[in-house]
Every structure is written in structure tokens, then in C-alpha cells.
Amino acid sequence: MSGEDHLTIMKMYVGNLSFQTTKQDLQDLFSQHGQVTDVHLPVDRESGQPRGFAFVTMDSNDSMNKAIGATNGQDLGGRNLKVNEAQAREERGGGGGGYGGGKPSGGGGRRY
């Protein structure tokens, strides 16, 4: 990936969302800083509840940078947002070293 590819990323990670935050809430907030082209609000597969984060895509890098500067740390629904440029997902290796064995691991925390 060249340095030029990095400039084409206009997607932001928006974390620390209240579970009551909707796509429309995010659309309204970020459209104050430029044109929003997509809002993805992932939900838990089992419960159907929002997972507390979203990805918002803007029409330009300029709009994205303005939005990050204006919204990072801003209160939305009683929570201080964590907003930054989304990073490309790294390829995950196969295998897993034998962990899990098909049983739930519990804990429910995010794995990095």
C-alpha cells in the first residue's frame, strides 16, 4: 500500500457510543462538518443491540478531518465520543493455536 492510498480513506471510527445512539443521530452530528456518505452501526449478532461504536464515511478527507476535530471528545447521549480515522483491518492469521475448541470463552471483552 502506498502513501497515496492512505489519502483515500475517509472513514472514521466513532467509539464510546451510548447504546441508544441511532444512525440518524450520527448522520445529523457529522453532516454539520461535510457530506456523510455512509453510517455503519454494528449490532451484536445474538442480542441485536448496538455494539457501542460505528463507522462514519465522509465525502472528502477535508470533511473527515474537520469532523474528527469537532467531534472527538464531544458529548453525545451522555458519553464523550472517541473519534479518529478508521484503520484498515489487518489480515488475521488462521489456526488459533487450538484455543476455544468450539466452547464459548466467556468474558465478553473485545479481543485485539
PDB file of N, CA and C in Angstrom:
ATOM      1  N   MET A   1       0.846  -1.181   0.000  1.00  0.00           N
ATOM      2  CA  MET A   1       0.000   0.000   0.000  1.00  0.00           C
ATOM      3  C   MET A   1       0.882   1.231   0.000  1.00  0.00           C
ATOM      4  N   SER A   2       0.662   2.128  -0.900  1.00  0.00           N
ATOM      5  CA  SER A   2       1.474   3.335  -0.975  1.00  0.00           C
ATOM      6  C   SER A   2       0.891   4.408  -0.071  1.00  0.00           C
ATOM      7  N   GLY A   3       1.628   5.466   0.145  1.00  0.00           N
ATOM      8  CA  GLY A   3       1.170   6.592   0.943  1.00  0.00           C
ATOM      9  C   GLY A   3      -0.058   7.249   0.341  1.00  0.00           C
ATOM     10  N   GLU A   4      -0.185   7.185  -0.992  1.00  0.00           N
ATOM     11  CA  GLU A   4      -1.334   7.798  -1.658  1.00  0.00           C
ATOM     12  C   GLU A   4      -2.631   7.074  -1.303  1.00  0.00           C
ATOM     13  N   ASP A   5      -2.569   5.762  -1.092  1.00  0.00           N
ATOM     14  CA  ASP A   5      -3.761   5.015  -0.713  1.00  0.00           C
ATOM     15  C   ASP A   5      -4.331   5.531   0.602  1.00  0.00           C
ATOM     16  N   HIS A   6      -3.459   5.914   1.500  1.00  0.00           N
ATOM     17  CA  HIS A   6      -3.880   6.409   2.805  1.00  0.00           C
ATOM     18  C   HIS A   6      -4.769   7.644   2.657  1.00  0.00           C
ATOM     19  N   LEU A   7      -4.515   8.466   1.668  1.00  0.00           N
ATOM     20  CA  LEU A   7      -5.274   9.693   1.485  1.00  0.00           C
ATOM     21  C   LEU A   7      -6.717   9.437   1.055  1.00  0.00           C
ATOM     22  N   THR A   8      -6.991   8.255   0.522  1.00  0.00           N
ATOM     23  CA  THR A   8      -8.339   7.976   0.044  1.00  0.00           C
ATOM     24  C   THR A   8      -9.271   7.495   1.157  1.00  0.00           C
ATOM     25  N   ILE A   9      -8.734   7.215   2.330  1.00  0.00           N
ATOM     26  CA  ILE A   9      -9.569   6.761   3.439  1.00  0.00           C
ATOM     27  C   ILE A   9     -10.311   7.956   4.021  1.00  0.00           C
ATOM     28  N   MET A  10     -11.635   7.872   3.991  1.00  0.00           N
ATOM     29  CA  MET A  10     -12.445   8.955   4.534  1.00  0.00           C
ATOM     30  C   MET A  10     -13.421   8.409   5.565  1.00  0.00           C
ATOM     31  N   LYS A  11     -13.044   7.291   6.171  1.00  0.00           N
ATOM     32  CA  LYS A  11     -13.900   6.612   7.138  1.00  0.00           C
ATOM     33  C   LYS A  11     -13.362   6.848   8.541  1.00  0.00           C
ATOM     34  N   MET A  12     -14.278   7.144   9.448  1.00  0.00           N
ATOM     35  CA  MET A  12     -13.910   7.385  10.840  1.00  0.00           C
ATOM     36  C   MET A  12     -14.473   6.290  11.729  1.00  0.00           C
ATOM     37  N   TYR A  13     -13.720   5.972  12.753  1.00  0.00           N
ATOM     38  CA  TYR A  13     -14.200   5.110  13.828  1.00  0.00           C
ATOM     39  C   TYR A  13     -14.778   6.036  14.886  1.00  0.00           C
ATOM     40  N   VAL A  14     -15.994   5.753  15.329  1.00  0.00           N
ATOM     41  CA  VAL A  14     -16.644   6.543  16.362  1.00  0.00           C
ATOM     42  C   VAL A  14     -16.953   5.601  17.515  1.00  0.00           C
ATOM     43  N   GLY A  15     -16.241   5.783  18.617  1.00  0.00           N
ATOM     44  CA  GLY A  15     -16.388   4.890  19.757  1.00  0.00           C
ATOM     45  C   GLY A  15     -17.011   5.563  20.959  1.00  0.00           C
ATOM     46  N   ASN A  16     -17.282   4.744  21.964  1.00  0.00           N
ATOM     47  CA  ASN A  16     -17.884   5.165  23.226  1.00  0.00           C
ATOM     48  C   ASN A  16     -19.313   5.682  23.033  1.00  0.00           C
ATOM     49  N   LEU A  17     -20.035   5.055  22.104  1.00  0.00           N
ATOM     50  CA  LEU A  17     -21.413   5.457  21.846  1.00  0.00           C
ATOM     51  C   LEU A  17     -22.359   4.881  22.893  1.00  0.00           C
ATOM     52  N   SER A  18     -23.368   5.653  23.218  1.00  0.00           N
ATOM     53  CA  SER A  18     -24.472   5.151  24.023  1.00  0.00           C
ATOM     54  C   SER A  18     -25.198   4.097  23.189  1.00  0.00           C
ATOM     55  N   PHE A  19     -25.764   3.089  23.828  1.00  0.00           N
ATOM     56  CA  PHE A  19     -26.491   2.060  23.100  1.00  0.00           C
ATOM     57  C   PHE A  19     -27.788   2.608  22.504  1.00  0.00           C
ATOM     58  N   GLN A  20     -28.199   3.811  22.920  1.00  0.00           N
ATOM     59  CA  GLN A  20     -29.396   4.437  22.364  1.00  0.00           C
ATOM     60  C   GLN A  20     -29.102   5.280  21.116  1.00  0.00           C
ATOM     61  N   THR A  21     -27.821   5.472  20.795  1.00  0.00           N
ATOM     62  CA  THR A  21     -27.452   6.271  19.625  1.00  0.00           C
ATOM     63  C   THR A  21     -27.910   5.574  18.351  1.00  0.00           C
ATOM     64  N   THR A  22     -28.524   6.350  17.456  1.00  0.00           N
ATOM     65  CA  THR A  22     -29.027   5.796  16.196  1.00  0.00           C
ATOM     66  C   THR A  22     -28.176   6.263  15.023  1.00  0.00           C
ATOM     67  N   LYS A  23     -28.382   5.623  13.872  1.00  0.00           N
ATOM     68  CA  LYS A  23     -27.712   6.062  12.646  1.00  0.00           C
ATOM     69  C   LYS A  23     -28.063   7.517  12.347  1.00  0.00           C
ATOM     70  N   GLN A  24     -29.342   7.874  12.574  1.00  0.00           N
ATOM     71  CA  GLN A  24     -29.767   9.243  12.292  1.00  0.00           C
ATOM     72  C   GLN A  24     -29.060  10.241  13.198  1.00  0.00           C
ATOM     73  N   ASP A  25     -28.839   9.886  14.470  1.00  0.00           N
ATOM     74  CA  ASP A  25     -28.095  10.760  15.384  1.00  0.00           C
ATOM     75  C   ASP A  25     -26.702  11.047  14.821  1.00  0.00           C
ATOM     76  N   LEU A  26     -26.043   9.994  14.343  1.00  0.00           N
ATOM     77  CA  LEU A  26     -24.696  10.142  13.799  1.00  0.00           C
ATOM     78  C   LEU A  26     -24.706  10.928  12.496  1.00  0.00           C
ATOM     79  N   GLN A  27     -25.684  10.642  11.642  1.00  0.00           N
ATOM     80  CA  GLN A  27     -25.831  11.374  10.382  1.00  0.00           C
ATOM     81  C   GLN A  27     -25.983  12.877  10.675  1.00  0.00           C
ATOM     82  N   ASP A  28     -26.853  13.203  11.625  1.00  0.00           N
ATOM     83  CA  ASP A  28     -27.106  14.606  11.967  1.00  0.00           C
ATOM     84  C   ASP A  28     -25.856  15.281  12.519  1.00  0.00           C
ATOM     85  N   LEU A  29     -25.149  14.590  13.403  1.00  0.00           N
ATOM     86  CA  LEU A  29     -23.956  15.165  14.022  1.00  0.00           C
ATOM     87  C   LEU A  29     -22.849  15.412  12.995  1.00  0.00           C
ATOM     88  N   PHE A  30     -22.528  14.396  12.204  1.00  0.00           N
ATOM     89  CA  PHE A  30     -21.386  14.512  11.296  1.00  0.00           C
ATOM     90  C   PHE A  30     -21.689  15.324  10.048  1.00  0.00           C
ATOM     91  N   SER A  31     -22.947  15.408   9.651  1.00  0.00           N
ATOM     92  CA  SER A  31     -23.280  16.199   8.457  1.00  0.00           C
ATOM     93  C   SER A  31     -23.100  17.689   8.694  1.00  0.00           C
ATOM     94  N   GLN A  32     -22.912  18.101   9.929  1.00  0.00           N
ATOM     95  CA  GLN A  32     -22.598  19.502  10.226  1.00  0.00           C
ATOM     96  C   GLN A  32     -21.199  19.878   9.734  1.00  0.00           C
ATOM     97  N   HIS A  33     -20.397  18.873   9.397  1.00  0.00           N
ATOM     98  CA  HIS A  33     -18.996  19.102   9.031  1.00  0.00           C
ATOM     99  C   HIS A  33     -18.677  18.691   7.601  1.00  0.00           C
ATOM    100  N   GLY A  34     -19.682  18.272   6.849  1.00  0.00           N
ATOM    101  CA  GLY A  34     -19.486  17.851   5.468  1.00  0.00           C
ATOM    102  C   GLY A  34     -20.514  16.799   5.110  1.00  0.00           C
ATOM    103  N   GLN A  35     -20.430  16.304   3.894  1.00  0.00           N
ATOM    104  CA  GLN A  35     -21.401  15.316   3.429  1.00  0.00           C
ATOM    105  C   GLN A  35     -21.041  13.923   3.941  1.00  0.00           C
ATOM    106  N   VAL A  36     -21.995  13.306   4.622  1.00  0.00           N
ATOM    107  CA  VAL A  36     -21.835  11.939   5.106  1.00  0.00           C
ATOM    108  C   VAL A  36     -22.306  11.002   3.996  1.00  0.00           C
ATOM    109  N   THR A  37     -21.457  10.056   3.614  1.00  0.00           N
ATOM    110  CA  THR A  37     -21.831   9.128   2.546  1.00  0.00           C
ATOM    111  C   THR A  37     -22.272   7.767   3.076  1.00  0.00           C
ATOM    112  N   ASP A  38     -21.905   7.440   4.337  1.00  0.00           N
ATOM    113  CA  ASP A  38     -22.319   6.161   4.905  1.00  0.00           C
ATOM    114  C   ASP A  38     -22.176   6.195   6.421  1.00  0.00           C
ATOM    115  N   VAL A  39     -23.120   5.534   7.100  1.00  0.00           N
ATOM    116  CA  VAL A  39     -23.036   5.322   8.542  1.00  0.00           C
ATOM    117  C   VAL A  39     -23.279   3.835   8.780  1.00  0.00           C
ATOM    118  N   HIS A  40     -22.315   3.184   9.415  1.00  0.00           N
ATOM    119  CA  HIS A  40     -22.455   1.760   9.732  1.00  0.00           C
ATOM    120  C   HIS A  40     -22.425   1.628  11.251  1.00  0.00           C
ATOM    121  N   LEU A  41     -23.526   1.150  11.823  1.00  0.00           N
ATOM    122  CA  LEU A  41     -23.669   0.984  13.259  1.00  0.00           C
ATOM    123  C   LEU A  41     -23.817  -0.513  13.546  1.00  0.00           C
ATOM    124  N   PRO A  42     -22.704  -1.205  13.805  1.00  0.00           N
ATOM    125  CA  PRO A  42     -22.768  -2.655  14.004  1.00  0.00           C
ATOM    126  C   PRO A  42     -23.619  -3.039  15.211  1.00  0.00           C
ATOM    127  N   VAL A  43     -24.298  -4.179  15.086  1.00  0.00           N
ATOM    128  CA  VAL A  43     -25.092  -4.703  16.196  1.00  0.00           C
ATOM    129  C   VAL A  43     -24.594  -6.098  16.551  1.00  0.00           C
ATOM    130  N   ASP A  44     -24.811  -6.477  17.780  1.00  0.00           N
ATOM    131  CA  ASP A  44     -24.444  -7.798  18.262  1.00  0.00           C
ATOM    132  C   ASP A  44     -25.307  -8.851  17.561  1.00  0.00           C
ATOM    133  N   ARG A  45     -24.698  -9.894  17.082  1.00  0.00           N
ATOM    134  CA  ARG A  45     -25.432 -10.935  16.349  1.00  0.00           C
ATOM    135  C   ARG A  45     -26.499 -11.629  17.188  1.00  0.00           C
ATOM    136  N   GLU A  46     -26.212 -11.833  18.449  1.00  0.00           N
ATOM    137  CA  GLU A  46     -27.143 -12.562  19.297  1.00  0.00           C
ATOM    138  C   GLU A  46     -28.237 -11.682  19.873  1.00  0.00           C
ATOM    139  N   SER A  47     -27.870 -10.529  20.415  1.00  0.00           N
ATOM    140  CA  SER A  47     -28.858  -9.685  21.104  1.00  0.00           C
ATOM    141  C   SER A  47     -29.532  -8.671  20.181  1.00  0.00           C
ATOM    142  N   GLY A  48     -28.874  -8.334  19.066  1.00  0.00           N
ATOM    143  CA  GLY A  48     -29.407  -7.306  18.183  1.00  0.00           C
ATOM    144  C   GLY A  48     -29.172  -5.898  18.704  1.00  0.00           C
ATOM    145  N   GLN A  49     -28.490  -5.765  19.827  1.00  0.00           N
ATOM    146  CA  GLN A  49     -28.196  -4.459  20.422  1.00  0.00           C
ATOM    147  C   GLN A  49     -26.969  -3.837  19.745  1.00  0.00           C
ATOM    148  N   PRO A  50     -26.942  -2.500  19.648  1.00  0.00           N
ATOM    149  CA  PRO A  50     -25.746  -1.838  19.108  1.00  0.00           C
ATOM    150  C   PRO A  50     -24.525  -2.203  19.940  1.00  0.00           C
ATOM    151  N   ARG A  51     -23.367  -2.197  19.308  1.00  0.00           N
ATOM    152  CA  ARG A  51     -22.128  -2.624  19.968  1.00  0.00           C
ATOM    153  C   ARG A  51     -21.342  -1.481  20.582  1.00  0.00           C
ATOM    154  N   GLY A  52     -21.851  -0.247  20.481  1.00  0.00           N
ATOM    155  CA  GLY A  52     -21.192   0.869  21.151  1.00  0.00           C
ATOM    156  C   GLY A  52     -20.172   1.599  20.297  1.00  0.00           C
ATOM    157  N   PHE A  53     -20.127   1.277  19.008  1.00  0.00           N
ATOM    158  CA  PHE A  53     -19.240   2.004  18.107  1.00  0.00           C
ATOM    159  C   PHE A  53     -19.870   2.022  16.724  1.00  0.00           C
ATOM    160  N   ALA A  54     -19.308   2.874  15.858  1.00  0.00           N
ATOM    161  CA  ALA A  54     -19.825   2.997  14.494  1.00  0.00           C
ATOM    162  C   ALA A  54     -18.681   3.402  13.574  1.00  0.00           C
ATOM    163  N   PHE A  55     -18.963   3.313  12.275  1.00  0.00           N
ATOM    164  CA  PHE A  55     -18.054   3.829  11.256  1.00  0.00           C
ATOM    165  C   PHE A  55     -18.843   4.832  10.428  1.00  0.00           C
ATOM    166  N   VAL A  56     -18.278   6.021  10.287  1.00  0.00           N
ATOM    167  CA  VAL A  56     -18.923   7.078   9.509  1.00  0.00           C
ATOM    168  C   VAL A  56     -17.974   7.450   8.375  1.00  0.00           C
ATOM    169  N   THR A  57     -18.501   7.479   7.153  1.00  0.00           N
ATOM    170  CA  THR A  57     -17.703   7.817   5.980  1.00  0.00           C
ATOM    171  C   THR A  57     -18.141   9.168   5.449  1.00  0.00           C
ATOM    172  N   MET A  58     -17.168  10.019   5.168  1.00  0.00           N
ATOM    173  CA  MET A  58     -17.424  11.362   4.646  1.00  0.00           C
ATOM    174  C   MET A  58     -17.049  11.409   3.166  1.00  0.00           C
ATOM    175  N   ASP A  59     -17.453  12.486   2.499  1.00  0.00           N
ATOM    176  CA  ASP A  59     -17.199  12.620   1.060  1.00  0.00           C
ATOM    177  C   ASP A  59     -15.795  13.089   0.731  1.00  0.00           C
ATOM    178  N   SER A  60     -15.049  13.595   1.723  1.00  0.00           N
ATOM    179  CA  SER A  60     -13.687  14.062   1.456  1.00  0.00           C
ATOM    180  C   SER A  60     -12.836  13.968   2.717  1.00  0.00           C
ATOM    181  N   ASN A  61     -11.530  13.938   2.521  1.00  0.00           N
ATOM    182  CA  ASN A  61     -10.603  13.949   3.646  1.00  0.00           C
ATOM    183  C   ASN A  61     -10.740  15.223   4.457  1.00  0.00           C
ATOM    184  N   ASP A  62     -10.957  16.354   3.768  1.00  0.00           N
ATOM    185  CA  ASP A  62     -11.113  17.627   4.449  1.00  0.00           C
ATOM    186  C   ASP A  62     -12.306  17.580   5.403  1.00  0.00           C
ATOM    187  N   SER A  63     -13.438  17.078   4.910  1.00  0.00           N
ATOM    188  CA  SER A  63     -14.632  16.959   5.756  1.00  0.00           C
ATOM    189  C   SER A  63     -14.375  16.026   6.929  1.00  0.00           C
ATOM    190  N   MET A  64     -13.703  14.904   6.654  1.00  0.00           N
ATOM    191  CA  MET A  64     -13.410  13.952   7.707  1.00  0.00           C
ATOM    192  C   MET A  64     -12.541  14.588   8.794  1.00  0.00           C
ATOM    193  N   ASN A  65     -11.495  15.296   8.393  1.00  0.00           N
ATOM    194  CA  ASN A  65     -10.600  15.905   9.366  1.00  0.00           C
ATOM    195  C   ASN A  65     -11.305  16.978  10.189  1.00  0.00           C
ATOM    196  N   LYS A  66     -12.170  17.759   9.550  1.00  0.00           N
ATOM    197  CA  LYS A  66     -12.959  18.757  10.283  1.00  0.00           C
ATOM    198  C   LYS A  66     -13.868  18.066  11.293  1.00  0.00           C
ATOM    199  N   ALA A  67     -14.519  16.987  10.859  1.00  0.00           N
ATOM    200  CA  ALA A  67     -15.432  16.264  11.736  1.00  0.00           C
ATOM    201  C   ALA A  67     -14.700  15.652  12.926  1.00  0.00           C
ATOM    202  N   ILE A  68     -13.536  15.078  12.684  1.00  0.00           N
ATOM    203  CA  ILE A  68     -12.753  14.499  13.778  1.00  0.00           C
ATOM    204  C   ILE A  68     -12.399  15.586  14.784  1.00  0.00           C
ATOM    205  N   GLY A  69     -11.896  16.713  14.295  1.00  0.00           N
ATOM    206  CA  GLY A  69     -11.510  17.810  15.182  1.00  0.00           C
ATOM    207  C   GLY A  69     -12.670  18.356  15.995  1.00  0.00           C
ATOM    208  N   ALA A  70     -13.843  18.389  15.384  1.00  0.00           N
ATOM    209  CA  ALA A  70     -15.010  18.972  16.049  1.00  0.00           C
ATOM    210  C   ALA A  70     -15.733  18.004  16.976  1.00  0.00           C
ATOM    211  N   THR A  71     -15.662  16.701  16.707  1.00  0.00           N
ATOM    212  CA  THR A  71     -16.486  15.761  17.468  1.00  0.00           C
ATOM    213  C   THR A  71     -15.731  14.886  18.460  1.00  0.00           C
ATOM    214  N   ASN A  72     -14.424  14.735  18.305  1.00  0.00           N
ATOM    215  CA  ASN A  72     -13.669  13.910  19.240  1.00  0.00           C
ATOM    216  C   ASN A  72     -13.766  14.518  20.638  1.00  0.00           C
ATOM    217  N   GLY A  73     -14.291  13.759  21.581  1.00  0.00           N
ATOM    218  CA  GLY A  73     -14.463  14.240  22.955  1.00  0.00           C
ATOM    219  C   GLY A  73     -15.804  14.910  23.203  1.00  0.00           C
ATOM    220  N   GLN A  74     -16.575  15.144  22.158  1.00  0.00           N
ATOM    221  CA  GLN A  74     -17.885  15.797  22.289  1.00  0.00           C
ATOM    222  C   GLN A  74     -18.875  14.850  22.963  1.00  0.00           C
ATOM    223  N   ASP A  75     -19.763  15.410  23.769  1.00  0.00           N
ATOM    224  CA  ASP A  75     -20.805  14.626  24.424  1.00  0.00           C
ATOM    225  C   ASP A  75     -21.929  14.311  23.441  1.00  0.00           C
ATOM    226  N   LEU A  76     -22.306  13.049  23.378  1.00  0.00           N
ATOM    227  CA  LEU A  76     -23.470  12.619  22.595  1.00  0.00           C
ATOM    228  C   LEU A  76     -24.179  11.550  23.412  1.00  0.00           C
ATOM    229  N   GLY A  77     -25.382  11.850  23.861  1.00  0.00           N
ATOM    230  CA  GLY A  77     -26.143  10.898  24.658  1.00  0.00           C
ATOM    231  C   GLY A  77     -25.511  10.595  25.999  1.00  0.00           C
ATOM    232  N   GLY A  78     -24.817  11.586  26.564  1.00  0.00           N
ATOM    233  CA  GLY A  78     -24.188  11.392  27.865  1.00  0.00           C
ATOM    234  C   GLY A  78     -22.845  10.689  27.837  1.00  0.00           C
ATOM    235  N   ARG A  79     -22.302  10.476  26.646  1.00  0.00           N
ATOM    236  CA  ARG A  79     -20.996   9.808  26.513  1.00  0.00           C
ATOM    237  C   ARG A  79     -20.060  10.703  25.704  1.00  0.00           C
ATOM    238  N   ASN A  80     -18.793  10.755  26.089  1.00  0.00           N
ATOM    239  CA  ASN A  80     -17.800  11.515  25.335  1.00  0.00           C
ATOM    240  C   ASN A  80     -17.290  10.652  24.192  1.00  0.00           C
ATOM    241  N   LEU A  81     -17.534  11.113  22.968  1.00  0.00           N
ATOM    242  CA  LEU A  81     -17.155  10.350  21.779  1.00  0.00           C
ATOM    243  C   LEU A  81     -15.651  10.219  21.631  1.00  0.00           C
ATOM    244  N   LYS A  82     -15.225   9.105  21.084  1.00  0.00           N
ATOM    245  CA  LYS A  82     -13.832   8.898  20.682  1.00  0.00           C
ATOM    246  C   LYS A  82     -13.874   8.741  19.165  1.00  0.00           C
ATOM    247  N   VAL A  83     -13.354   9.746  18.469  1.00  0.00           N
ATOM    248  CA  VAL A  83     -13.444   9.771  17.010  1.00  0.00           C
ATOM    249  C   VAL A  83     -12.050   9.871  16.428  1.00  0.00           C
ATOM    250  N   ASN A  84     -11.734   8.948  15.507  1.00  0.00           N
ATOM    251  CA  ASN A  84     -10.466   9.023  14.802  1.00  0.00           C
ATOM    252  C   ASN A  84     -10.604   8.344  13.446  1.00  0.00           C
ATOM    253  N   GLU A  85      -9.581   8.505  12.644  1.00  0.00           N
ATOM    254  CA  GLU A  85      -9.583   7.889  11.320  1.00  0.00           C
ATOM    255  C   GLU A  85      -9.569   6.374  11.482  1.00  0.00           C
ATOM    256  N   ALA A  86     -10.463   5.704  10.783  1.00  0.00           N
ATOM    257  CA  ALA A  86     -10.521   4.245  10.855  1.00  0.00           C
ATOM    258  C   ALA A  86      -9.264   3.666  10.233  1.00  0.00           C
ATOM    259  N   GLN A  87      -8.774   2.609  10.838  1.00  0.00           N
ATOM    260  CA  GLN A  87      -7.593   1.925  10.321  1.00  0.00           C
ATOM    261  C   GLN A  87      -8.043   0.702   9.540  1.00  0.00           C
ATOM    262  N   ALA A  88      -7.339   0.408   8.487  1.00  0.00           N
ATOM    263  CA  ALA A  88      -7.654  -0.782   7.691  1.00  0.00           C
ATOM    264  C   ALA A  88      -7.501  -2.013   8.576  1.00  0.00           C
ATOM    265  N   ARG A  89      -8.428  -2.929   8.428  1.00  0.00           N
ATOM    266  CA  ARG A  89      -8.388  -4.156   9.212  1.00  0.00           C
ATOM    267  C   ARG A  89      -7.211  -4.998   8.748  1.00  0.00           C
ATOM    268  N   GLU A  90      -6.408  -5.444   9.704  1.00  0.00           N
ATOM    269  CA  GLU A  90      -5.258  -6.277   9.358  1.00  0.00           C
ATOM    270  C   GLU A  90      -5.725  -7.689   9.083  1.00  0.00           C
ATOM    271  N   GLU A  91      -5.004  -8.354   8.198  1.00  0.00           N
ATOM    272  CA  GLU A  91      -5.304  -9.751   7.903  1.00  0.00           C
ATOM    273  C   GLU A  91      -5.066 -10.565   9.164  1.00  0.00           C
ATOM    274  N   ARG A  92      -5.998 -11.450   9.446  1.00  0.00           N
ATOM    275  CA  ARG A  92      -5.851 -12.302  10.614  1.00  0.00           C
ATOM    276  C   ARG A  92      -5.333 -13.660  10.173  1.00  0.00           C
ATOM    277  N   GLY A  93      -4.388 -14.175  10.915  1.00  0.00           N
ATOM    278  CA  GLY A  93      -3.838 -15.479  10.598  1.00  0.00           C
ATOM    279  C   GLY A  93      -4.816 -16.578  10.947  1.00  0.00           C
ATOM    280  N   GLY A  94      -4.693 -17.695  10.292  1.00  0.00           N
ATOM    281  CA  GLY A  94      -5.546 -18.839  10.583  1.00  0.00           C
ATOM    282  C   GLY A  94      -5.053 -19.582  11.794  1.00  0.00           C
ATOM    283  N   GLY A  95      -5.656 -20.713  12.046  1.00  0.00           N
ATOM    284  CA  GLY A  95      -5.178 -21.561  13.129  1.00  0.00           C
ATOM    285  C   GLY A  95      -5.803 -21.210  14.447  1.00  0.00           C
ATOM    286  N   GLY A  96      -5.187 -20.365  15.195  1.00  0.00           N
ATOM    287  CA  GLY A  96      -5.702 -20.005  16.504  1.00  0.00           C
ATOM    288  C   GLY A  96      -5.024 -20.778  17.626  1.00  0.00           C
ATOM    289  N   GLY A  97      -4.104 -21.657  17.273  1.00  0.00           N
ATOM    290  CA  GLY A  97      -3.310 -22.334  18.297  1.00  0.00           C
ATOM    291  C   GLY A  97      -4.092 -23.305  19.168  1.00  0.00           C
ATOM    292  N   GLY A  98      -5.258 -23.744  18.717  1.00  0.00           N
ATOM    293  CA  GLY A  98      -6.005 -24.727  19.473  1.00  0.00           C
ATOM    294  C   GLY A  98      -6.885 -24.145  20.560  1.00  0.00           C
ATOM    295  N   TYR A  99      -6.961 -22.847  20.687  1.00  0.00           N
ATOM    296  CA  TYR A  99      -7.795 -22.233  21.711  1.00  0.00           C
ATOM    297  C   TYR A  99      -9.262 -22.314  21.326  1.00  0.00           C
ATOM    298  N   GLY A 100     -10.098 -22.340  22.310  1.00  0.00           N
ATOM    299  CA  GLY A 100     -11.534 -22.276  22.071  1.00  0.00           C
ATOM    300  C   GLY A 100     -12.175 -23.637  22.006  1.00  0.00           C
ATOM    301  N   GLY A 101     -11.791 -24.467  21.096  1.00  0.00           N
ATOM    302  CA  GLY A 101     -12.354 -25.797  20.990  1.00  0.00           C
ATOM    303  C   GLY A 101     -13.857 -25.802  20.778  1.00  0.00           C
ATOM    304  N   GLY A 102     -14.404 -24.699  20.236  1.00  0.00           N
ATOM    305  CA  GLY A 102     -15.833 -24.637  19.983  1.00  0.00           C
ATOM    306  C   GLY A 102     -16.652 -24.240  21.190  1.00  0.00           C
ATOM    307  N   LYS A 103     -16.020 -23.993  22.312  1.00  0.00           N
ATOM    308  CA  LYS A 103     -16.739 -23.594  23.519  1.00  0.00           C
ATOM    309  C   LYS A 103     -16.648 -22.086  23.694  1.00  0.00           C
ATOM    310  N   PRO A 104     -17.703 -21.451  24.192  1.00  0.00           N
ATOM    311  CA  PRO A 104     -17.622 -20.009  24.463  1.00  0.00           C
ATOM    312  C   PRO A 104     -16.534 -19.740  25.488  1.00  0.00           C
ATOM    313  N   SER A 105     -15.793 -18.684  25.260  1.00  0.00           N
ATOM    314  CA  SER A 105     -14.682 -18.376  26.169  1.00  0.00           C
ATOM    315  C   SER A 105     -15.118 -17.511  27.334  1.00  0.00           C
ATOM    316  N   GLY A 106     -16.345 -16.935  27.256  1.00  0.00           N
ATOM    317  CA  GLY A 106     -16.802 -16.076  28.343  1.00  0.00           C
ATOM    318  C   GLY A 106     -16.103 -14.738  28.311  1.00  0.00           C
ATOM    319  N   GLY A 107     -16.304 -13.941  29.310  1.00  0.00           N
ATOM    320  CA  GLY A 107     -15.622 -12.664  29.423  1.00  0.00           C
ATOM    321  C   GLY A 107     -16.260 -11.569  28.596  1.00  0.00           C
ATOM    322  N   GLY A 108     -16.574 -11.828  27.349  1.00  0.00           N
ATOM    323  CA  GLY A 108     -17.256 -10.871  26.512  1.00  0.00           C
ATOM    324  C   GLY A 108     -16.459  -9.644  26.122  1.00  0.00           C
ATOM    325  N   GLY A 109     -15.173  -9.580  26.503  1.00  0.00           N
ATOM    326  CA  GLY A 109     -14.386  -8.409  26.174  1.00  0.00           C
ATOM    327  C   GLY A 109     -13.947  -8.398  24.725  1.00  0.00           C
ATOM    328  N   ARG A 110     -13.535  -7.249  24.259  1.00  0.00           N
ATOM    329  CA  ARG A 110     -13.031  -7.172  22.888  1.00  0.00           C
ATOM    330  C   ARG A 110     -11.660  -7.803  22.827  1.00  0.00           C
ATOM    331  N   ARG A 111     -11.388  -8.431  21.737  1.00  0.00           N
ATOM    332  CA  ARG A 111     -10.074  -9.034  21.551  1.00  0.00           C
ATOM    333  C   ARG A 111      -9.309  -8.185  20.538  1.00  0.00           C
ATOM    334  N   TYR A 112      -8.044  -7.898  20.867  1.00  0.00           N
ATOM    335  CA  TYR A 112      -7.231  -7.060  19.980  1.00  0.00           C
ATOM    336  C   TYR A 112      -6.202  -7.867  19.281  1.00  0.00           C
TER     337      TYR A 112
END
